[in-house]
PDB file of N, CA and C in Angstrom:
ATOM      1  N   MET A   1     -67.774 -48.763   8.821  1.00  0.00           N
ATOM      2  CA  MET A   1     -67.196 -47.676   8.086  1.00  0.00           C
ATOM      3  C   MET A   1     -67.237 -47.974   6.592  1.00  0.00           C
ATOM      4  N   ASN A   2     -67.004 -49.225   6.240  1.00  0.00           N
ATOM      5  CA  ASN A   2     -67.048 -49.574   4.822  1.00  0.00           C
ATOM      6  C   ASN A   2     -68.438 -49.376   4.248  1.00  0.00           C
ATOM      7  N   ALA A   3     -69.469 -49.713   5.025  1.00  0.00           N
ATOM      8  CA  ALA A   3     -70.845 -49.518   4.548  1.00  0.00           C
ATOM      9  C   ALA A   3     -71.139 -48.039   4.338  1.00  0.00           C
ATOM     10  N   LEU A   4     -70.639 -47.191   5.209  1.00  0.00           N
ATOM     11  CA  LEU A   4     -70.825 -45.752   5.036  1.00  0.00           C
ATOM     12  C   LEU A   4     -70.120 -45.254   3.782  1.00  0.00           C
ATOM     13  N   LYS A   5     -68.917 -45.743   3.556  1.00  0.00           N
ATOM     14  CA  LYS A   5     -68.180 -45.363   2.345  1.00  0.00           C
ATOM     15  C   LYS A   5     -68.936 -45.797   1.096  1.00  0.00           C
ATOM     16  N   GLU A   6     -69.521 -46.988   1.143  1.00  0.00           N
ATOM     17  CA  GLU A   6     -70.287 -47.478   0.000  1.00  0.00           C
ATOM     18  C   GLU A   6     -71.500 -46.607  -0.291  1.00  0.00           C
ATOM     19  N   GLU A   7     -72.018 -45.941   0.734  1.00  0.00           N
ATOM     20  CA  GLU A   7     -73.150 -45.029   0.572  1.00  0.00           C
ATOM     21  C   GLU A   7     -72.698 -43.619   0.209  1.00  0.00           C
ATOM     22  N   HIS A   8     -71.402 -43.455  -0.049  1.00  0.00           N
ATOM     23  CA  HIS A   8     -70.802 -42.171  -0.434  1.00  0.00           C
ATOM     24  C   HIS A   8     -70.907 -41.124   0.676  1.00  0.00           C
ATOM     25  N   ILE A   9     -70.890 -41.587   1.922  1.00  0.00           N
ATOM     26  CA  ILE A   9     -70.850 -40.673   3.061  1.00  0.00           C
ATOM     27  C   ILE A   9     -69.388 -40.303   3.283  1.00  0.00           C
ATOM     28  N   ASN A  10     -69.112 -39.009   3.309  1.00  0.00           N
ATOM     29  CA  ASN A  10     -67.734 -38.527   3.332  1.00  0.00           C
ATOM     30  C   ASN A  10     -67.159 -38.310   4.720  1.00  0.00           C
ATOM     31  N   LYS A  11     -68.023 -38.090   5.713  1.00  0.00           N
ATOM     32  CA  LYS A  11     -67.514 -37.782   7.044  1.00  0.00           C
ATOM     33  C   LYS A  11     -68.557 -38.176   8.072  1.00  0.00           C
ATOM     34  N   VAL A  12     -68.108 -38.738   9.187  1.00  0.00           N
ATOM     35  CA  VAL A  12     -69.003 -39.068  10.290  1.00  0.00           C
ATOM     36  C   VAL A  12     -68.427 -38.493  11.580  1.00  0.00           C
ATOM     37  N   SER A  13     -69.297 -38.282  12.548  1.00  0.00           N
ATOM     38  CA  SER A  13     -68.888 -37.741  13.843  1.00  0.00           C
ATOM     39  C   SER A  13     -69.495 -38.580  14.952  1.00  0.00           C
ATOM     40  N   LEU A  14     -68.906 -38.513  16.119  1.00  0.00           N
ATOM     41  CA  LEU A  14     -69.474 -39.161  17.295  1.00  0.00           C
ATOM     42  C   LEU A  14     -69.200 -38.301  18.510  1.00  0.00           C
ATOM     43  N   ILE A  15     -69.919 -38.598  19.575  1.00  0.00           N
ATOM     44  CA  ILE A  15     -69.742 -37.895  20.837  1.00  0.00           C
ATOM     45  C   ILE A  15     -69.317 -38.913  21.880  1.00  0.00           C
ATOM     46  N   ALA A  16     -68.259 -38.618  22.618  1.00  0.00           N
ATOM     47  CA  ALA A  16     -67.805 -39.460  23.724  1.00  0.00           C
ATOM     48  C   ALA A  16     -67.596 -38.559  24.937  1.00  0.00           C
ATOM     49  N   PHE A  17     -68.034 -39.020  26.088  1.00  0.00           N
ATOM     50  CA  PHE A  17     -67.827 -38.249  27.308  1.00  0.00           C
ATOM     51  C   PHE A  17     -66.333 -38.078  27.570  1.00  0.00           C
ATOM     52  N   THR A  18     -65.934 -36.915  28.047  1.00  0.00           N
ATOM     53  CA  THR A  18     -64.518 -36.637  28.284  1.00  0.00           C
ATOM     54  C   THR A  18     -63.917 -37.576  29.328  1.00  0.00           C
ATOM     55  N   LYS A  19     -64.701 -38.029  30.284  1.00  0.00           N
ATOM     56  CA  LYS A  19     -64.203 -38.933  31.327  1.00  0.00           C
ATOM     57  C   LYS A  19     -64.230 -40.399  30.906  1.00  0.00           C
ATOM     58  N   ASN A  20     -64.646 -40.685  29.679  1.00  0.00           N
ATOM     59  CA  ASN A  20     -64.688 -42.052  29.175  1.00  0.00           C
ATOM     60  C   ASN A  20     -63.325 -42.408  28.591  1.00  0.00           C
ATOM     61  N   ASP A  21     -62.368 -42.669  29.477  1.00  0.00           N
ATOM     62  CA  ASP A  21     -60.994 -42.900  29.045  1.00  0.00           C
ATOM     63  C   ASP A  21     -60.872 -44.089  28.102  1.00  0.00           C
ATOM     64  N   ILE A  22     -61.583 -45.167  28.396  1.00  0.00           N
ATOM     65  CA  ILE A  22     -61.501 -46.363  27.553  1.00  0.00           C
ATOM     66  C   ILE A  22     -62.078 -46.082  26.166  1.00  0.00           C
ATOM     67  N   GLY A  23     -63.245 -45.444  26.131  1.00  0.00           N
ATOM     68  CA  GLY A  23     -63.863 -45.119  24.848  1.00  0.00           C
ATOM     69  C   GLY A  23     -63.022 -44.161  24.033  1.00  0.00           C
ATOM     70  N   ASN A  24     -62.527 -43.112  24.672  1.00  0.00           N
ATOM     71  CA  ASN A  24     -61.711 -42.135  23.959  1.00  0.00           C
ATOM     72  C   ASN A  24     -60.418 -42.759  23.446  1.00  0.00           C
ATOM     73  N   ALA A  25     -59.812 -43.631  24.233  1.00  0.00           N
ATOM     74  CA  ALA A  25     -58.605 -44.320  23.782  1.00  0.00           C
ATOM     75  C   ALA A  25     -58.909 -45.212  22.580  1.00  0.00           C
ATOM     76  N   PHE A  26     -60.065 -45.878  22.607  1.00  0.00           N
ATOM     77  CA  PHE A  26     -60.456 -46.729  21.484  1.00  0.00           C
ATOM     78  C   PHE A  26     -60.613 -45.927  20.210  1.00  0.00           C
ATOM     79  N   TRP A  27     -61.420 -44.856  20.249  1.00  0.00           N
ATOM     80  CA  TRP A  27     -61.660 -44.072  19.034  1.00  0.00           C
ATOM     81  C   TRP A  27     -60.355 -43.505  18.495  1.00  0.00           C
ATOM     82  N   ASN A  28     -59.509 -43.037  19.389  1.00  0.00           N
ATOM     83  CA  ASN A  28     -58.211 -42.507  18.975  1.00  0.00           C
ATOM     84  C   ASN A  28     -57.357 -43.603  18.335  1.00  0.00           C
ATOM     85  N   SER A  29     -57.395 -44.809  18.895  1.00  0.00           N
ATOM     86  CA  SER A  29     -56.553 -45.901  18.397  1.00  0.00           C
ATOM     87  C   SER A  29     -56.948 -46.368  16.999  1.00  0.00           C
ATOM     88  N   ILE A  30     -58.205 -46.146  16.609  1.00  0.00           N
ATOM     89  CA  ILE A  30     -58.620 -46.579  15.272  1.00  0.00           C
ATOM     90  C   ILE A  30     -58.662 -45.417  14.274  1.00  0.00           C
ATOM     91  N   GLY A  31     -58.043 -44.296  14.677  1.00  0.00           N
ATOM     92  CA  GLY A  31     -57.820 -43.221  13.717  1.00  0.00           C
ATOM     93  C   GLY A  31     -58.771 -42.052  13.754  1.00  0.00           C
ATOM     94  N   TRP A  32     -59.718 -42.048  14.690  1.00  0.00           N
ATOM     95  CA  TRP A  32     -60.608 -40.896  14.793  1.00  0.00           C
ATOM     96  C   TRP A  32     -59.830 -39.731  15.397  1.00  0.00           C
ATOM     97  N   THR A  33     -60.178 -38.513  15.004  1.00  0.00           N
ATOM     98  CA  THR A  33     -59.486 -37.313  15.447  1.00  0.00           C
ATOM     99  C   THR A  33     -60.390 -36.492  16.363  1.00  0.00           C
ATOM    100  N   LYS A  34     -59.848 -36.107  17.513  1.00  0.00           N
ATOM    101  CA  LYS A  34     -60.595 -35.247  18.439  1.00  0.00           C
ATOM    102  C   LYS A  34     -60.678 -33.846  17.851  1.00  0.00           C
ATOM    103  N   ARG A  35     -61.887 -33.314  17.793  1.00  0.00           N
ATOM    104  CA  ARG A  35     -62.078 -31.966  17.245  1.00  0.00           C
ATOM    105  C   ARG A  35     -61.890 -30.926  18.344  1.00  0.00           C
ATOM    106  N   GLU A  36     -61.253 -29.839  17.973  1.00  0.00           N
ATOM    107  CA  GLU A  36     -61.028 -28.721  18.896  1.00  0.00           C
ATOM    108  C   GLU A  36     -61.724 -27.463  18.393  1.00  0.00           C
ATOM    109  N   ASP A  37     -62.498 -27.586  17.303  1.00  0.00           N
ATOM    110  CA  ASP A  37     -63.038 -26.403  16.635  1.00  0.00           C
ATOM    111  C   ASP A  37     -64.505 -26.143  16.919  1.00  0.00           C
ATOM    112  N   LEU A  38     -65.107 -26.883  17.870  1.00  0.00           N
ATOM    113  CA  LEU A  38     -66.509 -26.618  18.157  1.00  0.00           C
ATOM    114  C   LEU A  38     -66.821 -26.871  19.617  1.00  0.00           C
ATOM    115  N   ASN A  39     -67.915 -26.330  20.049  1.00  0.00           N
ATOM    116  CA  ASN A  39     -68.458 -26.570  21.387  1.00  0.00           C
ATOM    117  C   ASN A  39     -69.794 -27.266  21.222  1.00  0.00           C
ATOM    118  N   TYR A  40     -70.114 -28.161  22.124  1.00  0.00           N
ATOM    119  CA  TYR A  40     -71.357 -28.916  22.097  1.00  0.00           C
ATOM    120  C   TYR A  40     -72.199 -28.464  23.287  1.00  0.00           C
ATOM    121  N   TYR A  41     -73.441 -28.074  23.059  1.00  0.00           N
ATOM    122  CA  TYR A  41     -74.291 -27.534  24.107  1.00  0.00           C
ATOM    123  C   TYR A  41     -75.550 -28.376  24.283  1.00  0.00           C
ATOM    124  N   ASP A  42     -76.053 -28.429  25.509  1.00  0.00           N
ATOM    125  CA  ASP A  42     -77.317 -29.083  25.848  1.00  0.00           C
ATOM    126  C   ASP A  42     -78.223 -28.078  26.544  1.00  0.00           C
ATOM    127  N   PHE A  43     -79.503 -28.328  26.445  1.00  0.00           N
ATOM    128  CA  PHE A  43     -80.492 -27.574  27.210  1.00  0.00           C
ATOM    129  C   PHE A  43     -81.474 -28.592  27.776  1.00  0.00           C
ATOM    130  N   THR A  44     -81.543 -28.705  29.102  1.00  0.00           N
ATOM    131  CA  THR A  44     -82.381 -29.701  29.749  1.00  0.00           C
ATOM    132  C   THR A  44     -83.816 -29.204  29.858  1.00  0.00           C
ATOM    133  N   LEU A  45     -84.732 -29.969  29.307  1.00  0.00           N
ATOM    134  CA  LEU A  45     -86.151 -29.631  29.365  1.00  0.00           C
ATOM    135  C   LEU A  45     -86.864 -30.365  30.492  1.00  0.00           C
ATOM    136  N   ASN A  46     -86.372 -31.528  30.892  1.00  0.00           N
ATOM    137  CA  ASN A  46     -87.021 -32.316  31.936  1.00  0.00           C
ATOM    138  C   ASN A  46     -85.954 -32.936  32.826  1.00  0.00           C
ATOM    139  N   GLU A  47     -85.569 -32.231  33.861  1.00  0.00           N
ATOM    140  CA  GLU A  47     -84.514 -32.673  34.769  1.00  0.00           C
ATOM    141  C   GLU A  47     -84.812 -34.033  35.413  1.00  0.00           C
ATOM    142  N   ALA A  48     -86.084 -34.328  35.652  1.00  0.00           N
ATOM    143  CA  ALA A  48     -86.464 -35.587  36.308  1.00  0.00           C
ATOM    144  C   ALA A  48     -86.243 -36.796  35.386  1.00  0.00           C
ATOM    145  N   ASN A  49     -86.067 -36.564  34.125  1.00  0.00           N
ATOM    146  CA  ASN A  49     -85.940 -37.671  33.173  1.00  0.00           C
ATOM    147  C   ASN A  49     -84.535 -37.768  32.575  1.00  0.00           C
ATOM    148  N   ILE A  50     -83.518 -37.333  33.343  1.00  0.00           N
ATOM    149  CA  ILE A  50     -82.149 -37.349  32.872  1.00  0.00           C
ATOM    150  C   ILE A  50     -81.398 -38.480  33.558  1.00  0.00           C
ATOM    151  N   THR A  51     -80.704 -39.270  32.774  1.00  0.00           N
ATOM    152  CA  THR A  51     -79.809 -40.301  33.311  1.00  0.00           C
ATOM    153  C   THR A  51     -78.392 -39.780  33.195  1.00  0.00           C
ATOM    154  N   ALA A  52     -77.675 -39.739  34.304  1.00  0.00           N
ATOM    155  CA  ALA A  52     -76.310 -39.209  34.318  1.00  0.00           C
ATOM    156  C   ALA A  52     -75.330 -40.343  34.090  1.00  0.00           C
ATOM    157  N   PHE A  53     -74.613 -40.287  32.984  1.00  0.00           N
ATOM    158  CA  PHE A  53     -73.612 -41.287  32.669  1.00  0.00           C
ATOM    159  C   PHE A  53     -72.192 -40.772  32.947  1.00  0.00           C
ATOM    160  N   ASN A  54     -72.067 -39.487  33.146  1.00  0.00           N
ATOM    161  CA  ASN A  54     -70.749 -38.860  33.232  1.00  0.00           C
ATOM    162  C   ASN A  54     -70.484 -38.342  34.637  1.00  0.00           C
ATOM    163  N   GLN A  55     -70.524 -39.233  35.603  1.00  0.00           N
ATOM    164  CA  GLN A  55     -70.290 -38.805  36.988  1.00  0.00           C
ATOM    165  C   GLN A  55     -69.123 -39.510  37.588  1.00  0.00           C
TER     166      GLN A  55
END
């Protein structure tokens, strides 16, 4: 985060799976804020090449 600040980057975002309780707890514990103002969408182009991490 300090390196980003040194580069004058004002805001960063990340994506965490909703079922990733450990990850979400971590990001929350270090001060990241969950956004409620947007939706994130995907469009699958090659179903055979998808790895499911959120099952």
